[in-house]
């Protein structure tokens, strides 16, 4: 039988073919495994990065907002007016060793809102509260058309369940609805309390004369005053200012007194500017006492 020869380097058996196929298959499986591992590592890194970024953003800009950027409960169109600044509170109490008496440390360059009643103090309050009832846009009014969510209070029915509740007030002539930013609500209440502290003076020098056509409920003065006190109490607790007020002492004074310090505040003048601009575009409701 003639011999058969194969050229050098050429695979001449079926076993060799099988070995080659096996190595190629193993290499393919290893490469595929590496690609899967690389893909999973990349996906894990991306997810971890996105999660870290979300946590960073969420920490700086919580979903409900922040003091210096605005909360979801702030009027959306007014959030652009938010700007923070450092303010030193004035009017704190100090002691005069010569007179053996205390006095308030005042800023002589600013308007004064408290003290012995006078036309100057009343004018300062009128300037502070001017235009305090701006109009709502139609879109803003829709947000409040169903009344206040007092049903969230245990045992309290919502306004919509009250047969006498008429809903959001709309001026029939101006065809506008109105509101009051809560900072002005609190200031209005503070002024109302101030006047009650000097009731005798304001009986002789009224700053507002009630319309005789408007029927004032008999308990209005007392209920209004208690509302104002409680509203300011809640506003203070809501803000939760953590600026410390250290106590100091003076020779000859048996009392210790906490003095004013720096606070981080929303810039009221910017809020005032926003409200004035709104009032220029849309007629506001005239001030009431």
C-alpha atoms as a PDB file:
ATOM      1  CA  UNK A   1       0.000   0.000   0.000  1.00  0.00           C
ATOM      2  CA  UNK A   2       1.437   3.370  -0.913  1.00  0.00           C
ATOM      3  CA  UNK A   3       2.300   5.653   1.994  1.00  0.00           C
ATOM      4  CA  UNK A   4       0.449   8.937   2.516  1.00  0.00           C
ATOM      5  CA  UNK A   5       2.391  12.012   3.603  1.00  0.00           C
ATOM      6  CA  UNK A   6       1.236  15.321   4.956  1.00  0.00           C
ATOM      7  CA  UNK A   7       3.158  18.553   4.599  1.00  0.00           C
ATOM      8  CA  UNK A   8       5.057  19.737   7.705  1.00  0.00           C
ATOM      9  CA  UNK A   9       2.847  21.916   9.956  1.00  0.00           C
ATOM     10  CA  UNK A  10      -0.417  20.615   8.526  1.00  0.00           C
ATOM     11  CA  UNK A  11      -2.911  18.943  10.906  1.00  0.00           C
ATOM     12  CA  UNK A  12      -3.203  15.380   9.722  1.00  0.00           C
ATOM     13  CA  UNK A  13      -5.617  13.771  12.190  1.00  0.00           C
ATOM     14  CA  UNK A  14      -9.207  14.147  13.374  1.00  0.00           C
ATOM     15  CA  UNK A  15      -7.969  14.280  16.984  1.00  0.00           C
ATOM     16  CA  UNK A  16      -5.887  17.325  16.167  1.00  0.00           C
ATOM     17  CA  UNK A  17      -8.931  18.974  14.586  1.00  0.00           C
ATOM     18  CA  UNK A  18     -10.935  18.327  17.745  1.00  0.00           C
ATOM     19  CA  UNK A  19      -8.181  19.792  19.965  1.00  0.00           C
ATOM     20  CA  UNK A  20      -8.095  22.978  17.880  1.00  0.00           C
ATOM     21  CA  UNK A  21     -11.879  23.373  18.014  1.00  0.00           C
ATOM     22  CA  UNK A  22     -11.828  22.846  21.786  1.00  0.00           C
ATOM     23  CA  UNK A  23      -9.206  25.579  22.346  1.00  0.00           C
ATOM     24  CA  UNK A  24     -11.063  28.001  20.089  1.00  0.00           C
ATOM     25  CA  UNK A  25     -14.328  27.334  21.959  1.00  0.00           C
ATOM     26  CA  UNK A  26     -12.629  27.820  25.345  1.00  0.00           C
ATOM     27  CA  UNK A  27     -11.079  31.111  24.226  1.00  0.00           C
ATOM     28  CA  UNK A  28     -14.474  32.309  23.005  1.00  0.00           C
ATOM     29  CA  UNK A  29     -16.090  31.448  26.322  1.00  0.00           C
ATOM     30  CA  UNK A  30     -13.348  33.235  28.287  1.00  0.00           C
ATOM     31  CA  UNK A  31     -13.647  36.348  26.101  1.00  0.00           C
ATOM     32  CA  UNK A  32     -17.423  36.347  26.406  1.00  0.00           C
ATOM     33  CA  UNK A  33     -17.136  36.005  30.185  1.00  0.00           C
ATOM     34  CA  UNK A  34     -14.738  38.935  30.317  1.00  0.00           C
ATOM     35  CA  UNK A  35     -17.108  41.099  28.264  1.00  0.00           C
ATOM     36  CA  UNK A  36     -20.037  40.254  30.572  1.00  0.00           C
ATOM     37  CA  UNK A  37     -17.913  41.044  33.652  1.00  0.00           C
ATOM     38  CA  UNK A  38     -16.738  44.320  32.145  1.00  0.00           C
ATOM     39  CA  UNK A  39     -20.322  45.261  31.237  1.00  0.00           C
ATOM     40  CA  UNK A  40     -21.599  44.459  34.734  1.00  0.00           C
ATOM     41  CA  UNK A  41     -18.731  46.445  36.302  1.00  0.00           C
ATOM     42  CA  UNK A  42     -19.524  49.432  34.066  1.00  0.00           C
ATOM     43  CA  UNK A  43     -23.246  49.262  34.872  1.00  0.00           C
ATOM     44  CA  UNK A  44     -22.489  49.014  38.599  1.00  0.00           C
ATOM     45  CA  UNK A  45     -20.163  52.026  38.389  1.00  0.00           C
ATOM     46  CA  UNK A  46     -22.785  54.057  36.505  1.00  0.00           C
ATOM     47  CA  UNK A  47     -25.541  53.153  38.985  1.00  0.00           C
ATOM     48  CA  UNK A  48     -23.268  53.963  41.929  1.00  0.00           C
ATOM     49  CA  UNK A  49     -22.318  57.295  40.352  1.00  0.00           C
ATOM     50  CA  UNK A  50     -25.926  58.230  39.649  1.00  0.00           C
ATOM     51  CA  UNK A  51     -26.945  57.264  43.176  1.00  0.00           C
ATOM     52  CA  UNK A  52     -24.146  59.351  44.675  1.00  0.00           C
ATOM     53  CA  UNK A  53     -25.078  62.296  42.457  1.00  0.00           C
ATOM     54  CA  UNK A  54     -28.737  61.989  43.429  1.00  0.00           C
ATOM     55  CA  UNK A  55     -27.891  61.892  47.125  1.00  0.00           C
ATOM     56  CA  UNK A  56     -25.622  64.930  46.730  1.00  0.00           C
ATOM     57  CA  UNK A  57     -28.262  66.936  44.867  1.00  0.00           C
ATOM     58  CA  UNK A  58     -31.024  65.758  47.186  1.00  0.00           C
ATOM     59  CA  UNK A  59     -28.981  66.808  50.214  1.00  0.00           C
ATOM     60  CA  UNK A  60     -28.413  70.279  48.744  1.00  0.00           C
ATOM     61  CA  UNK A  61     -31.845  70.657  47.158  1.00  0.00           C
ATOM     62  CA  UNK A  62     -34.397  68.518  49.037  1.00  0.00           C
ATOM     63  CA  UNK A  63     -37.538  67.574  47.133  1.00  0.00           C
ATOM     64  CA  UNK A  64     -39.564  69.979  49.317  1.00  0.00           C
ATOM     65  CA  UNK A  65     -37.079  72.796  48.659  1.00  0.00           C
ATOM     66  CA  UNK A  66     -34.907  74.780  51.038  1.00  0.00           C
ATOM     67  CA  UNK A  67     -34.872  78.029  52.980  1.00  0.00           C
ATOM     68  CA  UNK A  68     -32.643  79.813  50.474  1.00  0.00           C
ATOM     69  CA  UNK A  69     -34.249  78.435  47.297  1.00  0.00           C
ATOM     70  CA  UNK A  70     -37.898  78.201  48.310  1.00  0.00           C
ATOM     71  CA  UNK A  71     -40.178  75.424  49.507  1.00  0.00           C
ATOM     72  CA  UNK A  72     -43.081  73.798  47.691  1.00  0.00           C
ATOM     73  CA  UNK A  73     -45.356  75.612  50.139  1.00  0.00           C
ATOM     74  CA  UNK A  74     -44.006  79.025  49.039  1.00  0.00           C
ATOM     75  CA  UNK A  75     -45.963  80.777  46.292  1.00  0.00           C
ATOM     76  CA  UNK A  76     -44.204  79.583  43.134  1.00  0.00           C
ATOM     77  CA  UNK A  77     -44.161  82.967  41.397  1.00  0.00           C
ATOM     78  CA  UNK A  78     -42.622  84.634  44.475  1.00  0.00           C
ATOM     79  CA  UNK A  79     -39.707  82.211  44.892  1.00  0.00           C
ATOM     80  CA  UNK A  80     -37.599  84.278  42.508  1.00  0.00           C
ATOM     81  CA  UNK A  81     -37.562  86.999  45.192  1.00  0.00           C
ATOM     82  CA  UNK A  82     -35.845  84.767  47.741  1.00  0.00           C
ATOM     83  CA  UNK A  83     -32.385  85.946  48.695  1.00  0.00           C
ATOM     84  CA  UNK A  84     -30.660  85.388  52.025  1.00  0.00           C
ATOM     85  CA  UNK A  85     -28.494  87.755  54.005  1.00  0.00           C
ATOM     86  CA  UNK A  86     -26.947  88.144  57.447  1.00  0.00           C
ATOM     87  CA  UNK A  87     -28.820  90.518  59.773  1.00  0.00           C
ATOM     88  CA  UNK A  88     -28.028  91.775  63.251  1.00  0.00           C
ATOM     89  CA  UNK A  89     -31.216  91.984  65.308  1.00  0.00           C
ATOM     90  CA  UNK A  90     -31.628  95.280  67.135  1.00  0.00           C
ATOM     91  CA  UNK A  91     -33.874  96.434  69.955  1.00  0.00           C
ATOM     92  CA  UNK A  92     -32.288  94.142  72.541  1.00  0.00           C
ATOM     93  CA  UNK A  93     -32.207  95.133  76.210  1.00  0.00           C
ATOM     94  CA  UNK A  94     -29.215  96.769  77.878  1.00  0.00           C
ATOM     95  CA  UNK A  95     -28.577  98.331  81.299  1.00  0.00           C
ATOM     96  CA  UNK A  96     -27.664 101.895  82.291  1.00  0.00           C
ATOM     97  CA  UNK A  97     -25.604 101.785  85.475  1.00  0.00           C
ATOM     98  CA  UNK A  98     -26.101 105.516  86.096  1.00  0.00           C
ATOM     99  CA  UNK A  99     -29.904 105.511  85.957  1.00  0.00           C
ATOM    100  CA  UNK A 100     -30.149 101.956  87.320  1.00  0.00           C
ATOM    101  CA  UNK A 101     -32.612 101.153  84.577  1.00  0.00           C
ATOM    102  CA  UNK A 102     -32.850  99.177  81.354  1.00  0.00           C
ATOM    103  CA  UNK A 103     -33.389 100.432  77.822  1.00  0.00           C
ATOM    104  CA  UNK A 104     -33.647  99.094  74.272  1.00  0.00           C
ATOM    105  CA  UNK A 105     -30.664  99.385  71.932  1.00  0.00           C
ATOM    106  CA  UNK A 106     -32.117 100.890  68.751  1.00  0.00           C
ATOM    107  CA  UNK A 107     -30.804 101.415  65.241  1.00  0.00           C
ATOM    108  CA  UNK A 108     -31.124 105.140  64.722  1.00  0.00           C
ATOM    109  CA  UNK A 109     -30.938 104.775  60.933  1.00  0.00           C
ATOM    110  CA  UNK A 110     -34.027 102.538  60.689  1.00  0.00           C
ATOM    111  CA  UNK A 111     -37.746 103.131  61.100  1.00  0.00           C
ATOM    112  CA  UNK A 112     -39.078 102.404  64.576  1.00  0.00           C
ATOM    113  CA  UNK A 113     -42.173 100.247  64.913  1.00  0.00           C
ATOM    114  CA  UNK A 114     -42.560 100.092  68.704  1.00  0.00           C
ATOM    115  CA  UNK A 115     -42.576 102.504  71.589  1.00  0.00           C
ATOM    116  CA  UNK A 116     -44.970 105.193  72.747  1.00  0.00           C
ATOM    117  CA  UNK A 117     -47.761 105.445  70.137  1.00  0.00           C
ATOM    118  CA  UNK A 118     -47.266 108.304  67.715  1.00  0.00           C
ATOM    119  CA  UNK A 119     -48.164 109.329  64.162  1.00  0.00           C
ATOM    120  CA  UNK A 120     -44.573 108.483  63.148  1.00  0.00           C
ATOM    121  CA  UNK A 121     -44.876 104.891  64.368  1.00  0.00           C
ATOM    122  CA  UNK A 122     -48.281 104.507  62.709  1.00  0.00           C
ATOM    123  CA  UNK A 123     -46.828 105.828  59.449  1.00  0.00           C
ATOM    124  CA  UNK A 124     -43.977 103.319  59.669  1.00  0.00           C
ATOM    125  CA  UNK A 125     -46.476 100.461  59.987  1.00  0.00           C
ATOM    126  CA  UNK A 126     -48.620 101.789  57.152  1.00  0.00           C
ATOM    127  CA  UNK A 127     -45.547 101.909  54.922  1.00  0.00           C
ATOM    128  CA  UNK A 128     -44.506  98.405  56.005  1.00  0.00           C
ATOM    129  CA  UNK A 129     -47.915  96.869  55.298  1.00  0.00           C
ATOM    130  CA  UNK A 130     -48.907  98.878  52.227  1.00  0.00           C
ATOM    131  CA  UNK A 131     -50.345  96.674  49.494  1.00  0.00           C
ATOM    132  CA  UNK A 132     -50.354  93.625  51.751  1.00  0.00           C
ATOM    133  CA  UNK A 133     -53.282  92.022  49.861  1.00  0.00           C
ATOM    134  CA  UNK A 134     -52.060  91.411  46.284  1.00  0.00           C
ATOM    135  CA  UNK A 135     -54.170  89.722  43.631  1.00  0.00           C
ATOM    136  CA  UNK A 136     -53.804  86.093  42.629  1.00  0.00           C
ATOM    137  CA  UNK A 137     -53.536  85.118  38.987  1.00  0.00           C
ATOM    138  CA  UNK A 138     -56.312  82.847  37.715  1.00  0.00           C
ATOM    139  CA  UNK A 139     -53.937  79.873  37.701  1.00  0.00           C
ATOM    140  CA  UNK A 140     -52.865  80.583  41.280  1.00  0.00           C
ATOM    141  CA  UNK A 141     -56.469  80.960  42.402  1.00  0.00           C
ATOM    142  CA  UNK A 142     -57.298  77.491  41.053  1.00  0.00           C
ATOM    143  CA  UNK A 143     -54.910  75.995  43.597  1.00  0.00           C
ATOM    144  CA  UNK A 144     -57.098  77.300  46.427  1.00  0.00           C
ATOM    145  CA  UNK A 145     -60.552  76.961  44.886  1.00  0.00           C
ATOM    146  CA  UNK A 146     -61.561  74.007  47.083  1.00  0.00           C
ATOM    147  CA  UNK A 147     -60.858  75.770  50.368  1.00  0.00           C
ATOM    148  CA  UNK A 148     -58.284  75.176  53.086  1.00  0.00           C
ATOM    149  CA  UNK A 149     -57.285  71.586  53.953  1.00  0.00           C
ATOM    150  CA  UNK A 150     -58.538  71.847  57.533  1.00  0.00           C
ATOM    151  CA  UNK A 151     -59.979  68.340  57.209  1.00  0.00           C
ATOM    152  CA  UNK A 152     -56.440  67.172  57.967  1.00  0.00           C
ATOM    153  CA  UNK A 153     -57.041  68.226  61.559  1.00  0.00           C
ATOM    154  CA  UNK A 154     -58.523  65.425  63.636  1.00  0.00           C
ATOM    155  CA  UNK A 155     -62.225  65.857  64.263  1.00  0.00           C
ATOM    156  CA  UNK A 156     -62.533  68.917  62.014  1.00  0.00           C
ATOM    157  CA  UNK A 157     -64.737  69.058  58.942  1.00  0.00           C
ATOM    158  CA  UNK A 158     -63.384  70.667  55.803  1.00  0.00           C
ATOM    159  CA  UNK A 159     -64.761  74.025  54.667  1.00  0.00           C
ATOM    160  CA  UNK A 160     -66.325  72.334  51.651  1.00  0.00           C
ATOM    161  CA  UNK A 161     -68.525  70.328  54.041  1.00  0.00           C
ATOM    162  CA  UNK A 162     -69.875  73.534  55.620  1.00  0.00           C
ATOM    163  CA  UNK A 163     -73.134  74.510  53.931  1.00  0.00           C
ATOM    164  CA  UNK A 164     -72.424  78.186  54.736  1.00  0.00           C
ATOM    165  CA  UNK A 165     -68.942  78.201  53.234  1.00  0.00           C
ATOM    166  CA  UNK A 166     -69.042  80.205  49.990  1.00  0.00           C
ATOM    167  CA  UNK A 167     -65.529  79.520  48.740  1.00  0.00           C
ATOM    168  CA  UNK A 168     -62.721  81.752  47.508  1.00  0.00           C
ATOM    169  CA  UNK A 169     -63.645  85.444  47.560  1.00  0.00           C
ATOM    170  CA  UNK A 170     -63.732  87.134  44.159  1.00  0.00           C
ATOM    171  CA  UNK A 171     -64.273  90.874  43.929  1.00  0.00           C
ATOM    172  CA  UNK A 172     -67.303  91.334  41.674  1.00  0.00           C
ATOM    173  CA  UNK A 173     -66.064  94.664  40.294  1.00  0.00           C
ATOM    174  CA  UNK A 174     -62.334  94.019  39.863  1.00  0.00           C
ATOM    175  CA  UNK A 175     -63.013  90.322  39.115  1.00  0.00           C
ATOM    176  CA  UNK A 176     -59.949  89.416  41.164  1.00  0.00           C
ATOM    177  CA  UNK A 177     -59.153  87.052  44.003  1.00  0.00           C
ATOM    178  CA  UNK A 178     -56.655  88.105  46.642  1.00  0.00           C
ATOM    179  CA  UNK A 179     -54.157  86.665  49.097  1.00  0.00           C
ATOM    180  CA  UNK A 180     -51.641  87.676  51.744  1.00  0.00           C
ATOM    181  CA  UNK A 181     -48.100  86.337  51.867  1.00  0.00           C
ATOM    182  CA  UNK A 182     -47.674  84.888  55.336  1.00  0.00           C
ATOM    183  CA  UNK A 183     -44.819  87.223  56.230  1.00  0.00           C
ATOM    184  CA  UNK A 184     -47.300  90.103  55.839  1.00  0.00           C
ATOM    185  CA  UNK A 185     -49.976  88.144  57.693  1.00  0.00           C
ATOM    186  CA  UNK A 186     -47.634  87.843  60.681  1.00  0.00           C
ATOM    187  CA  UNK A 187     -46.703  91.529  60.486  1.00  0.00           C
ATOM    188  CA  UNK A 188     -50.394  92.474  60.292  1.00  0.00           C
ATOM    189  CA  UNK A 189     -51.022  90.385  63.414  1.00  0.00           C
ATOM    190  CA  UNK A 190     -48.078  91.927  65.228  1.00  0.00           C
ATOM    191  CA  UNK A 191     -49.406  95.420  64.512  1.00  0.00           C
ATOM    192  CA  UNK A 192     -52.862  94.374  65.721  1.00  0.00           C
ATOM    193  CA  UNK A 193     -51.352  93.165  69.018  1.00  0.00           C
ATOM    194  CA  UNK A 194     -49.356  96.400  69.321  1.00  0.00           C
ATOM    195  CA  UNK A 195     -52.519  98.460  69.015  1.00  0.00           C
ATOM    196  CA  UNK A 196     -54.245  96.340  71.638  1.00  0.00           C
ATOM    197  CA  UNK A 197     -51.403  97.104  74.039  1.00  0.00           C
ATOM    198  CA  UNK A 198     -52.283 100.792  73.588  1.00  0.00           C
ATOM    199  CA  UNK A 199     -56.050 100.424  73.280  1.00  0.00           C
ATOM    200  CA  UNK A 200     -56.805 103.725  75.040  1.00  0.00           C
ATOM    201  CA  UNK A 201     -54.646 105.673  72.589  1.00  0.00           C
ATOM    202  CA  UNK A 202     -56.166 104.066  69.502  1.00  0.00           C
ATOM    203  CA  UNK A 203     -59.697 104.604  70.731  1.00  0.00           C
ATOM    204  CA  UNK A 204     -58.850 108.302  70.533  1.00  0.00           C
ATOM    205  CA  UNK A 205     -56.638 108.053  67.441  1.00  0.00           C
ATOM    206  CA  UNK A 206     -58.074 105.326  65.210  1.00  0.00           C
ATOM    207  CA  UNK A 207     -56.030 104.406  62.126  1.00  0.00           C
ATOM    208  CA  UNK A 208     -59.016 102.780  60.463  1.00  0.00           C
ATOM    209  CA  UNK A 209     -62.731 103.445  60.567  1.00  0.00           C
ATOM    210  CA  UNK A 210     -64.957 100.412  60.053  1.00  0.00           C
ATOM    211  CA  UNK A 211     -67.494 100.586  57.271  1.00  0.00           C
ATOM    212  CA  UNK A 212     -70.879 100.908  59.030  1.00  0.00           C
ATOM    213  CA  UNK A 213     -72.363  98.625  56.368  1.00  0.00           C
ATOM    214  CA  UNK A 214     -70.117  95.765  57.426  1.00  0.00           C
ATOM    215  CA  UNK A 215     -71.473  93.708  60.298  1.00  0.00           C
ATOM    216  CA  UNK A 216     -68.707  92.885  62.764  1.00  0.00           C
ATOM    217  CA  UNK A 217     -69.407  89.750  64.879  1.00  0.00           C
ATOM    218  CA  UNK A 218     -69.411  90.504  68.609  1.00  0.00           C
ATOM    219  CA  UNK A 219     -66.473  88.195  69.411  1.00  0.00           C
ATOM    220  CA  UNK A 220     -64.321  89.440  66.523  1.00  0.00           C
ATOM    221  CA  UNK A 221     -61.871  91.608  68.560  1.00  0.00           C
ATOM    222  CA  UNK A 222     -61.111  88.863  71.113  1.00  0.00           C
ATOM    223  CA  UNK A 223     -60.973  86.008  68.571  1.00  0.00           C
ATOM    224  CA  UNK A 224     -58.861  88.096  66.182  1.00  0.00           C
ATOM    225  CA  UNK A 225     -56.380  88.914  68.952  1.00  0.00           C
ATOM    226  CA  UNK A 226     -56.073  85.293  70.082  1.00  0.00           C
ATOM    227  CA  UNK A 227     -55.683  84.197  66.446  1.00  0.00           C
ATOM    228  CA  UNK A 228     -52.863  86.691  65.958  1.00  0.00           C
ATOM    229  CA  UNK A 229     -51.014  85.606  69.076  1.00  0.00           C
ATOM    230  CA  UNK A 230     -51.280  81.943  68.086  1.00  0.00           C
ATOM    231  CA  UNK A 231     -50.358  82.619  64.467  1.00  0.00           C
ATOM    232  CA  UNK A 232     -47.135  84.374  65.484  1.00  0.00           C
ATOM    233  CA  UNK A 233     -46.372  81.553  67.920  1.00  0.00           C
ATOM    234  CA  UNK A 234     -46.712  78.980  65.123  1.00  0.00           C
ATOM    235  CA  UNK A 235     -44.720  81.109  62.683  1.00  0.00           C
ATOM    236  CA  UNK A 236     -41.816  81.361  65.147  1.00  0.00           C
ATOM    237  CA  UNK A 237     -41.847  77.615  65.760  1.00  0.00           C
ATOM    238  CA  UNK A 238     -42.159  76.931  62.017  1.00  0.00           C
ATOM    239  CA  UNK A 239     -39.085  79.013  61.199  1.00  0.00           C
ATOM    240  CA  UNK A 240     -37.089  77.449  64.035  1.00  0.00           C
ATOM    241  CA  UNK A 241     -34.230  79.970  64.091  1.00  0.00           C
ATOM    242  CA  UNK A 242     -31.236  78.279  65.750  1.00  0.00           C
ATOM    243  CA  UNK A 243     -29.097  81.427  66.124  1.00  0.00           C
ATOM    244  CA  UNK A 244     -27.841  81.469  69.737  1.00  0.00           C
ATOM    245  CA  UNK A 245     -28.581  84.399  72.050  1.00  0.00           C
ATOM    246  CA  UNK A 246     -26.030  84.246  74.917  1.00  0.00           C
ATOM    247  CA  UNK A 247     -26.863  85.699  78.315  1.00  0.00           C
ATOM    248  CA  UNK A 248     -24.791  88.573  79.739  1.00  0.00           C
ATOM    249  CA  UNK A 249     -24.652  90.278  83.106  1.00  0.00           C
ATOM    250  CA  UNK A 250     -24.027  93.822  84.353  1.00  0.00           C
ATOM    251  CA  UNK A 251     -22.787  95.207  87.650  1.00  0.00           C
ATOM    252  CA  UNK A 252     -25.718  96.374  89.727  1.00  0.00           C
ATOM    253  CA  UNK A 253     -28.276  94.342  87.748  1.00  0.00           C
ATOM    254  CA  UNK A 254     -29.616  91.137  89.260  1.00  0.00           C
ATOM    255  CA  UNK A 255     -30.955  89.961  85.890  1.00  0.00           C
ATOM    256  CA  UNK A 256     -29.094  88.325  83.036  1.00  0.00           C
ATOM    257  CA  UNK A 257     -30.078  89.434  79.542  1.00  0.00           C
ATOM    258  CA  UNK A 258     -29.818  87.737  76.160  1.00  0.00           C
ATOM    259  CA  UNK A 259     -28.570  90.137  73.481  1.00  0.00           C
ATOM    260  CA  UNK A 260     -28.999  90.318  69.700  1.00  0.00           C
ATOM    261  CA  UNK A 261     -26.730  88.319  67.413  1.00  0.00           C
ATOM    262  CA  UNK A 262     -26.328  87.716  63.696  1.00  0.00           C
ATOM    263  CA  UNK A 263     -29.107  85.786  61.970  1.00  0.00           C
ATOM    264  CA  UNK A 264     -29.469  84.387  58.463  1.00  0.00           C
ATOM    265  CA  UNK A 265     -32.658  85.844  57.019  1.00  0.00           C
ATOM    266  CA  UNK A 266     -34.579  86.014  53.810  1.00  0.00           C
ATOM    267  CA  UNK A 267     -34.135  89.529  52.465  1.00  0.00           C
ATOM    268  CA  UNK A 268     -37.461  91.208  53.224  1.00  0.00           C
ATOM    269  CA  UNK A 269     -36.774  94.095  50.843  1.00  0.00           C
ATOM    270  CA  UNK A 270     -36.610  91.653  47.923  1.00  0.00           C
ATOM    271  CA  UNK A 271     -39.959  90.157  48.968  1.00  0.00           C
ATOM    272  CA  UNK A 272     -41.363  93.660  49.311  1.00  0.00           C
ATOM    273  CA  UNK A 273     -40.104  94.481  45.812  1.00  0.00           C
ATOM    274  CA  UNK A 274     -41.783  91.373  44.357  1.00  0.00           C
ATOM    275  CA  UNK A 275     -45.088  92.333  45.968  1.00  0.00           C
ATOM    276  CA  UNK A 276     -44.869  95.940  44.761  1.00  0.00           C
ATOM    277  CA  UNK A 277     -44.239  94.716  41.208  1.00  0.00           C
ATOM    278  CA  UNK A 278     -47.235  92.353  41.433  1.00  0.00           C
ATOM    279  CA  UNK A 279     -49.399  95.228  42.678  1.00  0.00           C
ATOM    280  CA  UNK A 280     -48.322  97.391  39.735  1.00  0.00           C
ATOM    281  CA  UNK A 281     -49.496  94.729  37.282  1.00  0.00           C
ATOM    282  CA  UNK A 282     -52.694  93.735  39.082  1.00  0.00           C
ATOM    283  CA  UNK A 283     -54.865  95.882  41.371  1.00  0.00           C
ATOM    284  CA  UNK A 284     -54.521  94.916  45.031  1.00  0.00           C
ATOM    285  CA  UNK A 285     -57.228  94.912  47.663  1.00  0.00           C
ATOM    286  CA  UNK A 286     -57.275  98.026  49.798  1.00  0.00           C
ATOM    287  CA  UNK A 287     -55.791  97.644  53.251  1.00  0.00           C
ATOM    288  CA  UNK A 288     -58.055  96.872  56.165  1.00  0.00           C
ATOM    289  CA  UNK A 289     -57.140  97.273  59.816  1.00  0.00           C
END
